[in-house]
Protein backbone atom coordinates (compact mmCIF):
# COMPACT_ATOMS: atom_id res chain seq x y z
CA MET A 1 21.19 -22.61 4.43
CA THR A 2 19.61 -19.82 2.88
CA GLU A 3 21.25 -16.26 3.93
CA ALA A 4 18.06 -13.80 3.03
CA GLN A 5 18.61 -9.93 3.14
CA THR A 6 16.64 -7.10 4.91
CA VAL A 7 16.60 -3.63 3.58
CA LEU A 8 15.94 -0.77 6.38
CA ALA A 9 15.63 2.21 4.04
CA VAL A 10 15.88 5.68 5.68
CA ASN A 11 13.56 7.13 4.12
CA ARG A 12 11.92 9.09 6.75
CA TYR A 13 12.49 12.84 7.34
CA TYR A 14 10.75 14.79 10.34
CA TYR A 15 11.84 18.54 11.47
CA LYS A 16 10.11 21.71 13.15
CA ALA A 17 11.33 24.68 11.87
CA TRP A 18 10.54 28.49 12.69
CA ARG A 19 12.05 32.06 12.37
CA ALA A 20 11.38 36.06 13.66
CA GLY A 21 12.63 39.47 12.97
CA LYS A 22 16.00 40.29 14.15
CA GLU A 23 14.70 43.17 15.88
CA LEU A 24 12.57 40.50 18.23
CA PHE A 25 15.24 38.96 20.29
CA PRO A 26 15.98 41.57 22.06
CA GLN A 27 12.28 41.55 23.38
CA MET A 28 12.69 38.08 24.02
CA MET A 29 13.31 35.64 27.24
CA PRO A 30 16.63 35.34 27.26
CA GLU A 31 16.13 31.72 26.73
CA TYR A 32 13.03 31.17 24.74
CA ALA A 33 14.70 30.20 21.14
CA GLN A 34 17.08 27.86 23.56
CA LEU A 35 13.71 26.59 25.29
CA ILE A 36 12.41 25.59 21.51
CA ASN A 37 15.54 24.88 19.94
CA GLY A 38 16.62 21.99 23.02
CA ILE A 39 14.00 20.84 24.37
CA GLY A 40 10.25 21.76 22.54
CA HIS A 41 11.26 21.16 19.33
CA PRO A 42 12.94 17.32 19.92
CA LYS A 43 10.84 16.10 22.07
CA ALA A 44 8.02 17.20 19.22
CA LEU A 45 10.00 15.20 16.36
CA ALA A 46 9.97 11.99 19.88
CA LEU A 47 6.67 12.26 19.57
CA GLN A 48 6.39 11.77 16.29
CA VAL A 49 8.67 9.01 15.82
CA ASP A 50 6.76 7.70 18.53
CA ALA A 51 2.98 8.18 16.95
CA ASP A 52 4.23 6.75 13.90
CA LEU A 53 5.98 3.41 15.79
CA GLY A 54 3.07 2.73 17.49
CA SER A 55 0.96 3.24 14.40
CA ASP A 56 1.93 2.05 11.13
CA ALA A 57 0.41 -1.03 9.76
CA THR A 58 3.18 -1.98 7.84
CA ASN A 59 5.75 -1.76 9.59
CA GLY A 60 4.95 -0.47 13.16
CA LEU A 61 3.49 -1.82 16.23
CA ALA A 62 0.39 -1.98 13.93
CA SER A 63 1.35 -4.60 11.85
CA ILE A 64 2.44 -7.12 14.37
CA THR A 65 -0.77 -9.98 13.68
CA THR A 66 -0.62 -12.21 17.18
CA THR A 67 -3.01 -10.52 18.84
CA GLU A 68 -4.02 -11.00 22.94
CA GLY A 69 -7.07 -9.44 24.58
CA THR A 70 -10.08 -7.39 23.63
CA ASP A 71 -11.12 -4.24 22.02
CA ASN A 72 -12.09 -1.84 24.41
CA VAL A 73 -11.99 -4.07 27.10
CA ASP A 74 -9.42 -3.78 30.40
CA ILE A 75 -6.45 -5.43 30.03
CA THR A 76 -6.21 -8.11 32.57
CA GLU A 77 -3.34 -10.27 34.10
CA ASP A 78 -4.44 -13.32 31.59
CA VAL A 79 -4.18 -11.68 28.49
CA LEU A 80 -0.56 -10.20 29.42
CA LEU A 81 0.67 -13.20 30.27
CA ALA A 82 -0.39 -14.39 27.57
CA GLY A 83 1.19 -12.36 25.58
CA ILE A 84 4.50 -13.65 26.89
CA THR A 85 4.03 -16.34 26.43
CA ASP A 86 3.29 -15.87 22.75
CA LEU A 87 7.10 -14.77 23.06
CA ASN A 88 8.14 -16.83 25.25
CA ASN A 89 6.71 -19.81 22.57
CA VAL A 90 9.38 -18.51 19.90
CA PHE A 91 12.06 -18.28 21.98
CA ALA A 92 12.11 -14.52 22.48
CA PRO A 93 15.73 -13.53 23.96
CA ASN A 94 14.09 -12.37 28.08
CA ASN A 95 16.37 -9.00 27.86
CA ASP A 96 14.93 -6.22 26.52
CA ARG A 97 10.87 -7.17 26.48
CA PHE A 98 8.85 -3.74 26.68
CA ILE A 99 5.37 -2.97 26.76
CA VAL A 100 3.46 -0.21 25.58
CA PHE A 101 0.14 1.04 26.34
CA SER A 102 -2.78 3.70 26.19
CA PRO A 103 -3.48 5.72 29.30
CA ALA A 104 -6.75 4.18 29.22
CA SER A 105 -5.23 0.66 29.67
CA GLN A 106 -2.44 2.04 31.83
CA ALA A 107 -5.58 3.14 34.38
CA SER A 108 -7.51 -0.91 33.45
CA LEU A 109 -3.54 -2.40 34.80
CA PHE A 110 -4.19 -0.24 37.97
CA LYS A 111 -6.76 -3.05 39.07
CA VAL A 112 -4.99 -5.61 38.86
CA GLU A 113 -4.05 -6.26 41.81
CA SER A 114 -0.69 -7.99 41.09
CA LEU A 115 0.93 -5.16 39.05
CA LYS A 116 -0.30 -2.15 41.44
CA ASN A 117 3.15 -1.89 43.01
CA SER A 118 4.82 -1.43 40.15
CA LEU A 119 2.70 0.95 38.83
CA TYR A 120 2.06 3.03 41.75
CA ASN A 121 5.90 3.20 41.80
CA ALA A 122 6.38 4.94 38.37
CA THR A 123 3.50 7.73 39.44
CA VAL A 124 5.49 8.51 42.61
CA GLY A 125 8.94 10.10 41.47
CA SER A 126 10.56 7.46 42.21
CA ILE A 127 12.18 6.88 38.44
CA GLY A 128 15.00 8.73 37.04
CA GLY A 129 13.44 11.26 34.23
CA ASP A 130 16.21 9.84 31.75
CA MET A 131 13.75 6.95 31.01
CA GLY A 132 11.87 9.31 28.82
CA LEU A 133 8.86 10.86 28.41
CA GLY A 134 5.78 7.83 29.23
CA TYR A 135 7.68 5.78 31.56
CA ALA A 136 5.80 3.97 34.14
CA GLY A 137 8.60 1.73 35.30
CA SER A 138 8.37 -2.27 34.70
CA PHE A 139 6.80 -5.83 35.48
CA LEU A 140 6.63 -9.12 34.72
CA GLY A 141 10.30 -9.09 33.06
CA MET A 142 8.70 -5.62 31.05
CA GLN A 143 9.84 -2.30 31.09
CA ALA A 144 7.18 -0.19 30.48
CA TRP A 145 5.86 2.81 28.85
CA SER A 146 2.69 4.92 28.04
CA SER A 147 1.78 6.81 25.35
CA GLY A 148 -0.70 8.26 23.77
CA ASN A 149 -0.02 7.54 20.26
CA LEU A 150 -0.37 3.76 19.73
CA ALA A 151 -2.77 2.82 16.37
CA ALA A 152 -6.40 2.94 17.79
CA GLY A 153 -8.72 -0.35 16.97
CA THR A 154 -12.67 -0.65 16.67
CA ASN A 155 -13.30 0.87 19.68
CA GLY A 156 -10.06 1.26 21.95
CA LYS A 157 -6.57 1.09 21.04
CA LYS A 158 -3.89 -1.73 20.07
CA ASN A 159 -0.84 -2.51 22.91
CA ALA A 160 1.71 -3.81 22.44
CA ILE A 161 4.42 -6.47 24.31
CA PHE A 162 7.62 -6.84 22.22
CA GLN A 163 10.98 -7.84 22.19
CA ARG A 164 13.52 -5.42 20.79
CA GLU A 165 14.53 -7.28 17.97
CA ALA A 166 10.77 -7.37 16.38
CA ILE A 167 11.12 -3.95 15.18
CA ALA A 168 15.07 -2.54 13.58
CA TYR A 169 15.58 1.23 13.88
CA ALA A 170 18.21 3.71 12.70
CA GLU A 171 19.26 6.94 13.25
CA GLN A 172 21.35 8.20 10.08
CA LEU A 173 20.72 11.57 11.54
CA SER A 174 20.42 11.66 15.58
CA VAL A 175 18.21 15.29 15.80
CA MET A 176 20.00 18.56 15.00
CA THR A 177 19.64 22.21 14.66
CA ASP A 178 20.72 24.61 12.07
CA LYS A 179 20.30 28.38 12.22
CA SER A 180 20.41 30.80 9.49
CA THR A 181 19.82 34.19 7.81
CA ASN A 182 16.86 34.94 5.41
CA ILE A 183 17.06 38.80 3.81
CA GLN A 184 15.52 37.49 1.20
CA ASP A 185 11.78 37.34 3.25
CA GLY A 186 12.85 40.31 5.50
CA ASN A 187 15.26 40.33 8.60
CA TYR A 188 14.86 36.96 10.10
CA GLU A 189 16.61 35.48 11.89
CA GLN A 190 15.84 30.64 11.69
CA PHE A 191 15.90 27.72 13.04
CA ILE A 192 15.45 24.30 11.80
CA THR A 193 15.77 21.51 13.84
CA PHE A 194 15.67 18.55 12.18
CA MET A 195 16.38 14.37 11.44
CA THR A 196 16.56 11.06 9.42
CA CYS A 197 15.19 7.71 10.44
CA GLY A 198 14.13 4.36 9.32
CA PHE A 199 12.48 1.62 10.63
CA ILE A 200 10.84 -2.09 9.64
CA LYS A 201 9.49 -4.87 10.99
CA VAL A 202 12.34 -7.97 11.50
CA LYS A 203 10.40 -10.46 13.73
CA ASP A 204 6.67 -10.72 14.03
CA ASN A 205 6.85 -13.21 15.95
CA HIS A 206 8.79 -11.89 19.03
CA ALA A 207 5.52 -9.93 19.56
CA ALA A 208 1.99 -9.47 20.47
CA LEU A 209 -1.05 -6.88 20.22
CA VAL A 210 -3.13 -6.41 23.60
CA LEU A 211 -6.07 -5.18 22.76
CA GLY A 212 -7.79 -3.39 24.90
CA LYS A 213 -9.17 0.16 26.16
């Protein structure tokens, strides 16, 4: 038995910053800074992490080598089942399975009769907001998300089915906001929202690319 070591480098630094003259703050609507620092910029960082995880061709979803489906063609139920079978063939755990698809591929799945109820339920406000932006319900034993940040194929998008162990993700610093005063450039109040994280593909065979629109 040979023991191997996988190194997950926390080498990604994301930030959003803004500043304004202190004389402007009395003129702002009371919640303006809180909306930017508490909602807007954290969401922007999350979307950038989402984009990198989806498009990174070395350690992200775009690096997965098993492929099902056809570029720029509607995803069918048979294609989904083939992706699930890929995971079953290597005994990937049945729990913590996910599918992420582009909005166009999500529309393709609305054409699959057996999935319509699950997908329509996700569009009528029956799912709690705590699941996060883009959550599209669950079907075939997978939690589903729609994302506009997936890697492009030749003409379509690279959707993916995967089990949690496929890619390891770690945050050293979760989203934080810091405030300071800048008198060198003027009397500014400045804010920065930032985080550090990293990810690495660990089990390539615990995932399958699903080509589609």
